[in-house]
Amino acid sequence: MPYPEQFTGFQVNGPETWTEFHKNEFQPKPFGDYDVDVKIEACGVCGSDVHTINGGWGAQNFPLAVGHEIVGKAIRVGSKVTLIKEGQRVGVGAQSYSCLDCRQCNNDNETYCRKQLDTYGAKWPETGIISQGGYSSHVRTHEHWVFPIPEGLNSTDAAPMLCAGLTAYSPLVRNGCGPGKKVGIVGIGGIGHFGVLFAKALGAEVWAISRSHAKEADALKMGADGFIATGDKDWAEPHVMTFDLIINTANSFDGFDLSAYLSLLDVHGRWVSVGLPEGEGIEIRNQDFMKNGCLIGSSHLGSRRETLEMLQLAADKKLQPWIETVPIGANNLSTTLQRLHKNDVHYRFCLTNYGDEFGQ
């Protein structure tokens, strides 16, 4: 089959025109011995995509094609690649490189490598080429960050797991989620709904925590054992010091009473925030976590091992994320990203019909 020297993607020129997508050719980084080229067939739409192109996370390298929840076919593998075979259905998440030699990389913490590079918006060393994401025909990625997709998973279900799903799964397994544990998921959005699905699949007692009762029925259908609406009077009181772990996926800190949330945790219980709202963040006082000695932390994506385990768990348990599919195209991207900016999605978008735009 003809092999493209350049890839094609839908790029944004800058935050002032973040809702305008332009179909452009771009030059990928030079192909290396450990690289895999993936012809894309589906890509989830992540809140990170919006924060990046609208300027909410600061200056970026434009023009830029975002998207880092990618599933497609491996159509070219480097001479030293051993983890992926040509023709496999594979996925690529939010990270495309780490050194694989440092202390972090050698301890299944490669997502924390000081030399890690993002799938889009990163400047490749030596070449200066900017990495482009999954709103494109192809993606070129180091084999370590390319993951075989189990046969039991649909591409449109697997794609959003590669960022949103992993962002929820990694802190759950690293902090003891399982049978006999009471786990709370704050924020029932793209990441949060995966938090409910995976916490339940791991065997925990799962409670969804949201501002109102609007998403209660949905959360219970996802498998939550209980629901807490923080807009209710004295909402925290029945659950004080009963949770072992709470994963916070909220995308806003407006009116966020951190002290009340932390009061839910048992002694040395853990609060792990994975959402990245725009703005100044939230004030943390020592008094807020002294009564129960709870621990506050965060989490960034997850390792290759965790990604493979997560995908297999989803296939084995036949998990059904709530996905709305959208054919890729300039107009659809503009509408979809604006809807996501308004939180008008239940609970994840996934782009499809790549052949219509980029050819078969």
Protein backbone atom coordinates (compact mmCIF):
# COMPACT_ATOMS: atom_id res chain seq x y z
CA MET A 1 0.00 0.00 0.00
CA PRO A 2 1.24 3.57 -0.64
CA TYR A 3 2.88 4.99 2.46
CA PRO A 4 2.45 8.68 3.31
CA GLU A 5 5.55 10.81 3.74
CA GLN A 6 3.39 13.31 5.59
CA PHE A 7 0.35 12.84 7.79
CA THR A 8 -2.87 14.86 7.68
CA GLY A 9 -4.80 16.25 10.61
CA PHE A 10 -7.36 18.75 11.78
CA GLN A 11 -5.34 21.52 13.43
CA VAL A 12 -6.19 24.63 15.42
CA ASN A 13 -4.12 27.76 14.75
CA GLY A 14 -4.37 29.29 18.23
CA PRO A 15 -6.58 29.95 21.26
CA GLU A 16 -8.25 32.96 19.64
CA THR A 17 -9.76 30.63 17.02
CA TRP A 18 -9.92 27.41 19.03
CA THR A 19 -13.26 26.38 17.53
CA GLU A 20 -11.90 26.52 13.96
CA PHE A 21 -10.30 23.31 12.66
CA HIS A 22 -8.20 23.24 9.50
CA LYS A 23 -7.28 20.10 7.59
CA ASN A 24 -3.53 20.32 7.01
CA GLU A 25 -0.62 18.10 6.16
CA PHE A 26 2.20 17.94 8.71
CA GLN A 27 5.60 16.32 9.03
CA PRO A 28 5.91 13.62 11.72
CA LYS A 29 9.19 13.08 13.52
CA PRO A 30 11.71 10.84 11.70
CA PHE A 31 10.81 7.16 11.90
CA GLY A 32 12.99 5.31 14.42
CA ASP A 33 13.92 1.70 15.06
CA TYR A 34 11.45 1.48 17.98
CA ASP A 35 8.61 3.41 16.37
CA VAL A 36 5.17 2.26 15.31
CA ASP A 37 2.96 4.06 12.81
CA VAL A 38 -0.75 3.74 13.48
CA LYS A 39 -3.46 4.44 10.93
CA ILE A 40 -6.18 5.92 13.14
CA GLU A 41 -9.77 4.69 13.14
CA ALA A 42 -11.12 6.22 16.36
CA CYS A 43 -10.11 8.86 18.90
CA GLY A 44 -11.74 9.95 22.14
CA VAL A 45 -12.30 13.64 22.83
CA CYS A 46 -10.71 14.65 26.13
CA GLY A 47 -11.16 17.71 28.32
CA SER A 48 -7.40 18.15 27.91
CA ASP A 49 -8.03 18.85 24.23
CA VAL A 50 -10.23 21.83 25.11
CA HIS A 51 -7.93 23.18 27.84
CA THR A 52 -5.02 22.97 25.40
CA ILE A 53 -6.50 24.69 22.36
CA ASN A 54 -8.50 27.38 24.17
CA GLY A 55 -5.48 28.62 26.13
CA GLY A 56 -6.75 27.47 29.52
CA TRP A 57 -3.49 25.65 30.22
CA GLY A 58 -1.24 28.40 28.90
CA ALA A 59 0.93 28.77 25.81
CA GLN A 60 1.06 25.86 23.37
CA ASN A 61 2.82 24.97 20.13
CA PHE A 62 0.46 25.82 17.27
CA PRO A 63 -0.77 24.85 14.74
CA LEU A 64 -1.81 21.76 16.62
CA ALA A 65 -3.91 18.65 16.14
CA VAL A 66 -4.99 17.41 19.57
CA GLY A 67 -6.43 14.03 20.58
CA HIS A 68 -4.74 11.39 22.73
CA GLU A 69 -7.22 8.54 23.04
CA ILE A 70 -6.30 6.79 19.82
CA VAL A 71 -7.18 3.39 18.38
CA GLY A 72 -6.15 2.16 14.95
CA LYS A 73 -4.08 -0.33 12.98
CA ALA A 74 -0.31 -0.69 13.22
CA ILE A 75 0.78 -0.32 9.60
CA ARG A 76 4.56 0.03 10.08
CA VAL A 77 6.89 -1.15 12.84
CA GLY A 78 10.54 -0.31 13.37
CA SER A 79 13.33 -2.85 12.96
CA LYS A 80 13.80 -3.23 16.73
CA VAL A 81 10.12 -3.30 17.73
CA THR A 82 9.15 -6.42 19.69
CA LEU A 83 5.97 -5.37 21.51
CA ILE A 84 3.74 -4.74 18.47
CA LYS A 85 3.18 -6.58 15.22
CA GLU A 86 2.20 -5.01 11.92
CA GLY A 87 -1.53 -5.35 11.35
CA GLN A 88 -2.48 -5.38 15.04
CA ARG A 89 -5.28 -3.20 16.37
CA VAL A 90 -3.58 -0.94 18.88
CA GLY A 91 -4.08 2.12 21.04
CA VAL A 92 -2.03 5.20 21.92
CA GLY A 93 -2.75 7.37 24.95
CA ALA A 94 -1.57 10.73 26.21
CA GLN A 95 2.13 9.85 26.41
CA SER A 96 4.38 8.81 23.56
CA TYR A 97 7.87 8.71 25.02
CA SER A 98 9.95 8.24 28.17
CA CYS A 99 13.64 7.44 28.55
CA LEU A 100 12.98 3.84 29.79
CA ASP A 101 16.27 3.98 31.67
CA CYS A 102 15.74 6.11 34.78
CA ARG A 103 14.69 5.03 38.27
CA GLN A 104 11.06 5.90 37.54
CA CYS A 105 10.96 4.04 34.22
CA ASN A 106 12.53 0.96 35.80
CA ASN A 107 9.83 0.84 38.49
CA ASP A 108 6.65 0.99 36.40
CA ASN A 109 6.51 4.74 36.88
CA GLU A 110 7.51 5.73 33.36
CA THR A 111 4.67 8.23 33.18
CA TYR A 112 6.63 10.25 35.76
CA CYS A 113 9.88 10.18 33.76
CA ARG A 114 11.53 13.60 33.63
CA LYS A 115 12.02 13.15 29.88
CA GLN A 116 8.45 12.10 29.12
CA LEU A 117 6.82 13.57 26.01
CA ASP A 118 3.12 14.04 25.32
CA THR A 119 1.37 12.58 22.31
CA TYR A 120 0.51 16.07 21.09
CA GLY A 121 2.09 19.47 21.61
CA ALA A 122 5.55 18.18 22.65
CA LYS A 123 8.77 19.22 20.94
CA TRP A 124 10.83 16.21 19.89
CA PRO A 125 14.51 16.55 20.88
CA GLU A 126 17.02 17.32 18.12
CA THR A 127 14.39 17.80 15.41
CA GLY A 128 12.18 20.41 17.07
CA ILE A 129 9.16 18.80 15.40
CA ILE A 130 5.91 19.23 17.37
CA SER A 131 4.02 16.03 18.09
CA GLN A 132 0.50 15.93 16.64
CA GLY A 133 -2.43 14.02 18.09
CA GLY A 134 -5.28 11.79 17.10
CA TYR A 135 -7.47 14.21 15.16
CA SER A 136 -5.25 13.01 12.31
CA SER A 137 -4.79 10.28 9.75
CA HIS A 138 -1.84 8.65 11.57
CA VAL A 139 0.25 8.83 14.69
CA ARG A 140 3.91 7.81 15.12
CA THR A 141 4.80 6.55 18.59
CA HIS A 142 7.50 4.63 20.46
CA GLU A 143 6.42 0.99 20.86
CA HIS A 144 6.35 1.19 24.68
CA TRP A 145 3.40 3.58 24.40
CA VAL A 146 1.48 1.50 21.85
CA PHE A 147 -0.94 -1.02 23.36
CA PRO A 148 -2.62 -4.06 21.79
CA ILE A 149 -6.41 -3.83 22.15
CA PRO A 150 -8.10 -7.04 23.37
CA GLU A 151 -10.56 -8.61 20.96
CA GLY A 152 -13.43 -8.19 23.42
CA LEU A 153 -13.33 -4.38 23.28
CA ASN A 154 -14.91 -2.19 20.63
CA SER A 155 -12.54 0.49 19.32
CA THR A 156 -14.90 3.28 20.34
CA ASP A 157 -15.08 1.90 23.90
CA ALA A 158 -11.34 1.29 24.17
CA ALA A 159 -10.22 4.67 22.86
CA PRO A 160 -11.48 6.83 25.77
CA MET A 161 -9.95 4.38 28.22
CA LEU A 162 -6.46 5.36 27.02
CA CYS A 163 -6.59 8.68 28.89
CA ALA A 164 -9.83 9.06 30.85
CA GLY A 165 -10.00 5.40 31.79
CA LEU A 166 -6.34 5.12 32.74
CA THR A 167 -6.47 8.37 34.71
CA ALA A 168 -9.12 6.74 36.92
CA TYR A 169 -7.77 3.18 36.91
CA SER A 170 -4.16 3.86 37.97
CA PRO A 171 -4.94 5.69 41.26
CA LEU A 172 -7.59 3.10 42.09
CA VAL A 173 -5.21 0.13 41.86
CA ARG A 174 -2.27 2.01 43.38
CA ASN A 175 -4.33 2.96 46.42
CA GLY A 176 -5.88 -0.38 47.27
CA CYS A 177 -9.28 -0.32 45.56
CA GLY A 178 -10.83 -3.76 45.89
CA PRO A 179 -13.14 -5.98 47.95
CA GLY A 180 -13.82 -4.66 51.44
CA LYS A 181 -12.99 -1.05 50.49
CA LYS A 182 -15.41 1.87 50.35
CA VAL A 183 -14.45 4.12 47.44
CA GLY A 184 -15.87 7.49 46.44
CA ILE A 185 -15.72 9.05 42.98
CA VAL A 186 -16.15 12.83 42.98
CA GLY A 187 -17.41 14.23 39.68
CA ILE A 188 -19.40 12.01 37.32
CA GLY A 189 -17.99 13.12 33.99
CA GLY A 190 -15.68 11.55 31.45
CA ILE A 191 -13.07 10.42 33.97
CA GLY A 192 -15.50 10.01 36.87
CA HIS A 193 -17.81 7.62 35.06
CA PHE A 194 -14.77 5.44 34.31
CA GLY A 195 -13.92 5.68 38.00
CA VAL A 196 -17.29 4.20 38.91
CA LEU A 197 -17.00 1.45 36.28
CA PHE A 198 -13.47 0.40 37.24
CA ALA A 199 -13.89 0.69 41.01
CA LYS A 200 -16.92 -1.59 40.77
CA ALA A 201 -15.09 -4.01 38.46
CA LEU A 202 -12.27 -4.17 41.02
CA GLY A 203 -14.74 -5.27 43.68
CA ALA A 204 -15.08 -2.18 45.88
CA GLU A 205 -18.19 -0.61 47.39
CA VAL A 206 -18.55 2.44 45.17
CA TRP A 207 -20.25 5.76 45.88
CA ALA A 208 -20.71 8.46 43.28
CA ILE A 209 -20.41 12.01 44.63
CA SER A 210 -21.82 14.95 42.67
CA ARG A 211 -23.19 18.44 43.31
CA SER A 212 -26.83 17.54 42.65
CA HIS A 213 -29.02 14.49 42.09
CA ALA A 214 -29.08 15.09 38.31
CA LYS A 215 -26.71 12.19 37.56
CA GLU A 216 -27.88 9.84 40.31
CA ALA A 217 -29.85 7.51 38.05
CA ASP A 218 -26.96 7.30 35.59
CA ALA A 219 -24.42 6.57 38.34
CA LEU A 220 -26.54 3.75 39.73
CA LYS A 221 -26.91 2.26 36.23
CA MET A 222 -23.11 2.34 35.95
CA GLY A 223 -22.91 0.20 39.06
CA ALA A 224 -22.52 2.67 41.92
CA ASP A 225 -23.74 1.27 45.25
CA GLY A 226 -24.73 4.69 46.54
CA PHE A 227 -24.93 8.36 45.65
CA ILE A 228 -24.12 11.54 47.57
CA ALA A 229 -25.30 14.97 46.43
CA THR A 230 -23.16 17.67 48.03
CA GLY A 231 -25.94 20.22 47.52
CA ASP A 232 -28.05 18.46 50.16
CA LYS A 233 -28.09 19.78 53.71
CA ASP A 234 -25.60 18.00 56.01
CA TRP A 235 -24.62 15.76 53.10
CA ALA A 236 -21.34 14.59 54.63
CA GLU A 237 -22.58 13.69 58.12
CA PRO A 238 -23.82 10.11 57.47
CA HIS A 239 -20.49 9.17 55.88
CA VAL A 240 -17.91 10.88 58.10
CA MET A 241 -14.76 8.75 58.44
CA THR A 242 -16.14 5.80 56.45
CA PHE A 243 -14.32 5.99 53.11
CA ASP A 244 -10.98 4.29 52.45
CA LEU A 245 -10.30 6.12 49.19
CA ILE A 246 -11.78 9.03 47.26
CA ILE A 247 -10.78 9.85 43.68
CA ASN A 248 -11.55 13.46 42.79
CA THR A 249 -12.20 13.98 39.07
CA ALA A 250 -14.01 17.33 39.37
CA ASN A 251 -13.23 19.89 36.67
CA SER A 252 -14.16 22.91 38.79
CA PHE A 253 -13.34 24.11 42.28
CA ASP A 254 -16.11 26.70 42.43
CA GLY A 255 -17.80 26.37 45.83
CA PHE A 256 -15.67 23.31 46.61
CA ASP A 257 -15.67 22.57 50.35
CA LEU A 258 -12.51 20.49 50.61
CA SER A 259 -12.77 20.17 54.40
CA ALA A 260 -16.17 18.49 54.10
CA TYR A 261 -14.90 16.03 51.48
CA LEU A 262 -11.84 15.12 53.54
CA SER A 263 -14.03 14.49 56.59
CA LEU A 264 -15.42 11.46 54.74
CA LEU A 265 -12.09 9.63 54.92
CA ASP A 266 -11.21 7.05 57.56
CA VAL A 267 -7.94 7.36 59.47
CA HIS A 268 -5.13 7.56 56.89
CA GLY A 269 -7.69 7.34 54.12
CA ARG A 270 -6.56 8.75 50.79
CA TRP A 271 -7.80 11.66 48.69
CA VAL A 272 -6.39 11.55 45.15
CA SER A 273 -7.14 14.39 42.72
CA VAL A 274 -6.80 13.70 39.01
CA GLY A 275 -8.87 16.52 37.49
CA LEU A 276 -7.02 19.59 36.23
CA PRO A 277 -9.41 22.56 36.37
CA GLU A 278 -8.33 25.86 34.91
CA GLY A 279 -7.67 28.70 37.33
CA GLU A 280 -5.90 29.10 40.65
CA GLY A 281 -6.81 25.79 42.25
CA ILE A 282 -7.91 25.32 45.85
CA GLU A 283 -6.52 26.27 49.24
CA ILE A 284 -5.38 23.38 51.45
CA ARG A 285 -5.05 23.87 55.20
CA ASN A 286 -3.43 21.45 57.62
CA GLN A 287 -6.54 21.65 59.81
CA ASP A 288 -8.54 20.05 57.00
CA PHE A 289 -6.82 16.70 57.31
CA MET A 290 -5.56 16.58 60.86
CA LYS A 291 -8.71 15.07 62.42
CA ASN A 292 -8.34 11.82 60.52
CA GLY A 293 -4.72 11.98 59.40
CA CYS A 294 -5.86 11.53 55.83
CA LEU A 295 -3.39 11.69 52.96
CA ILE A 296 -3.70 13.98 49.94
CA GLY A 297 -2.13 13.22 46.59
CA SER A 298 -2.50 13.12 42.85
CA SER A 299 -1.86 10.80 39.94
CA HIS A 300 -0.70 11.11 36.33
CA LEU A 301 -1.94 8.65 33.71
CA GLY A 302 -0.51 5.16 34.36
CA SER A 303 2.19 2.71 33.33
CA ARG A 304 2.22 0.37 30.35
CA ARG A 305 1.57 -2.55 32.70
CA GLU A 306 -1.46 -0.80 34.19
CA THR A 307 -2.77 0.11 30.74
CA LEU A 308 -2.66 -3.48 29.55
CA GLU A 309 -4.25 -4.71 32.79
CA MET A 310 -7.01 -2.09 32.51
CA LEU A 311 -7.87 -2.99 28.92
CA GLN A 312 -7.99 -6.70 29.76
CA LEU A 313 -10.16 -6.07 32.82
CA ALA A 314 -12.57 -4.05 30.69
CA ALA A 315 -12.74 -6.86 28.15
CA ASP A 316 -13.12 -9.60 30.77
CA LYS A 317 -15.84 -7.74 32.68
CA LYS A 318 -17.51 -6.53 29.47
CA LEU A 319 -17.55 -2.97 30.77
CA GLN A 320 -19.75 -0.56 28.86
CA PRO A 321 -18.55 3.05 28.99
CA TRP A 322 -21.10 5.64 27.98
CA ILE A 323 -19.87 6.84 24.59
CA GLU A 324 -21.35 9.20 22.01
CA THR A 325 -19.74 8.69 18.59
CA VAL A 326 -19.12 11.61 16.21
CA PRO A 327 -17.83 11.36 12.61
CA ILE A 328 -14.60 13.34 12.39
CA GLY A 329 -14.70 16.55 10.34
CA ALA A 330 -14.03 20.25 10.78
CA ASN A 331 -17.62 21.23 11.57
CA ASN A 332 -18.26 18.26 13.85
CA LEU A 333 -15.04 18.96 15.75
CA SER A 334 -16.05 22.56 16.32
CA THR A 335 -19.48 21.57 17.61
CA THR A 336 -18.19 18.68 19.72
CA LEU A 337 -15.40 20.64 21.43
CA GLN A 338 -17.83 23.45 22.24
CA ARG A 339 -20.30 20.95 23.68
CA LEU A 340 -17.57 19.43 25.80
CA HIS A 341 -16.56 22.90 27.02
CA LYS A 342 -20.16 23.27 28.26
CA ASN A 343 -20.12 19.77 29.82
CA ASP A 344 -22.82 18.74 27.36
CA VAL A 345 -21.79 15.09 27.08
CA HIS A 346 -22.84 11.84 28.79
CA TYR A 347 -20.11 10.88 29.24
CA ARG A 348 -17.44 10.71 26.55
CA PHE A 349 -17.20 11.58 22.87
CA CYS A 350 -15.34 9.36 20.42
CA LEU A 351 -14.48 10.37 16.84
CA THR A 352 -15.14 7.85 14.07
CA ASN A 353 -15.39 7.58 10.25
CA TYR A 354 -11.73 8.40 9.68
CA GLY A 355 -11.77 6.74 6.27
CA ASP A 356 -14.27 9.29 5.01
CA GLU A 357 -11.85 12.16 5.70
CA PHE A 358 -8.43 10.58 5.26
CA GLY A 359 -9.07 7.72 2.85
CA GLN A 360 -9.11 3.98 3.31
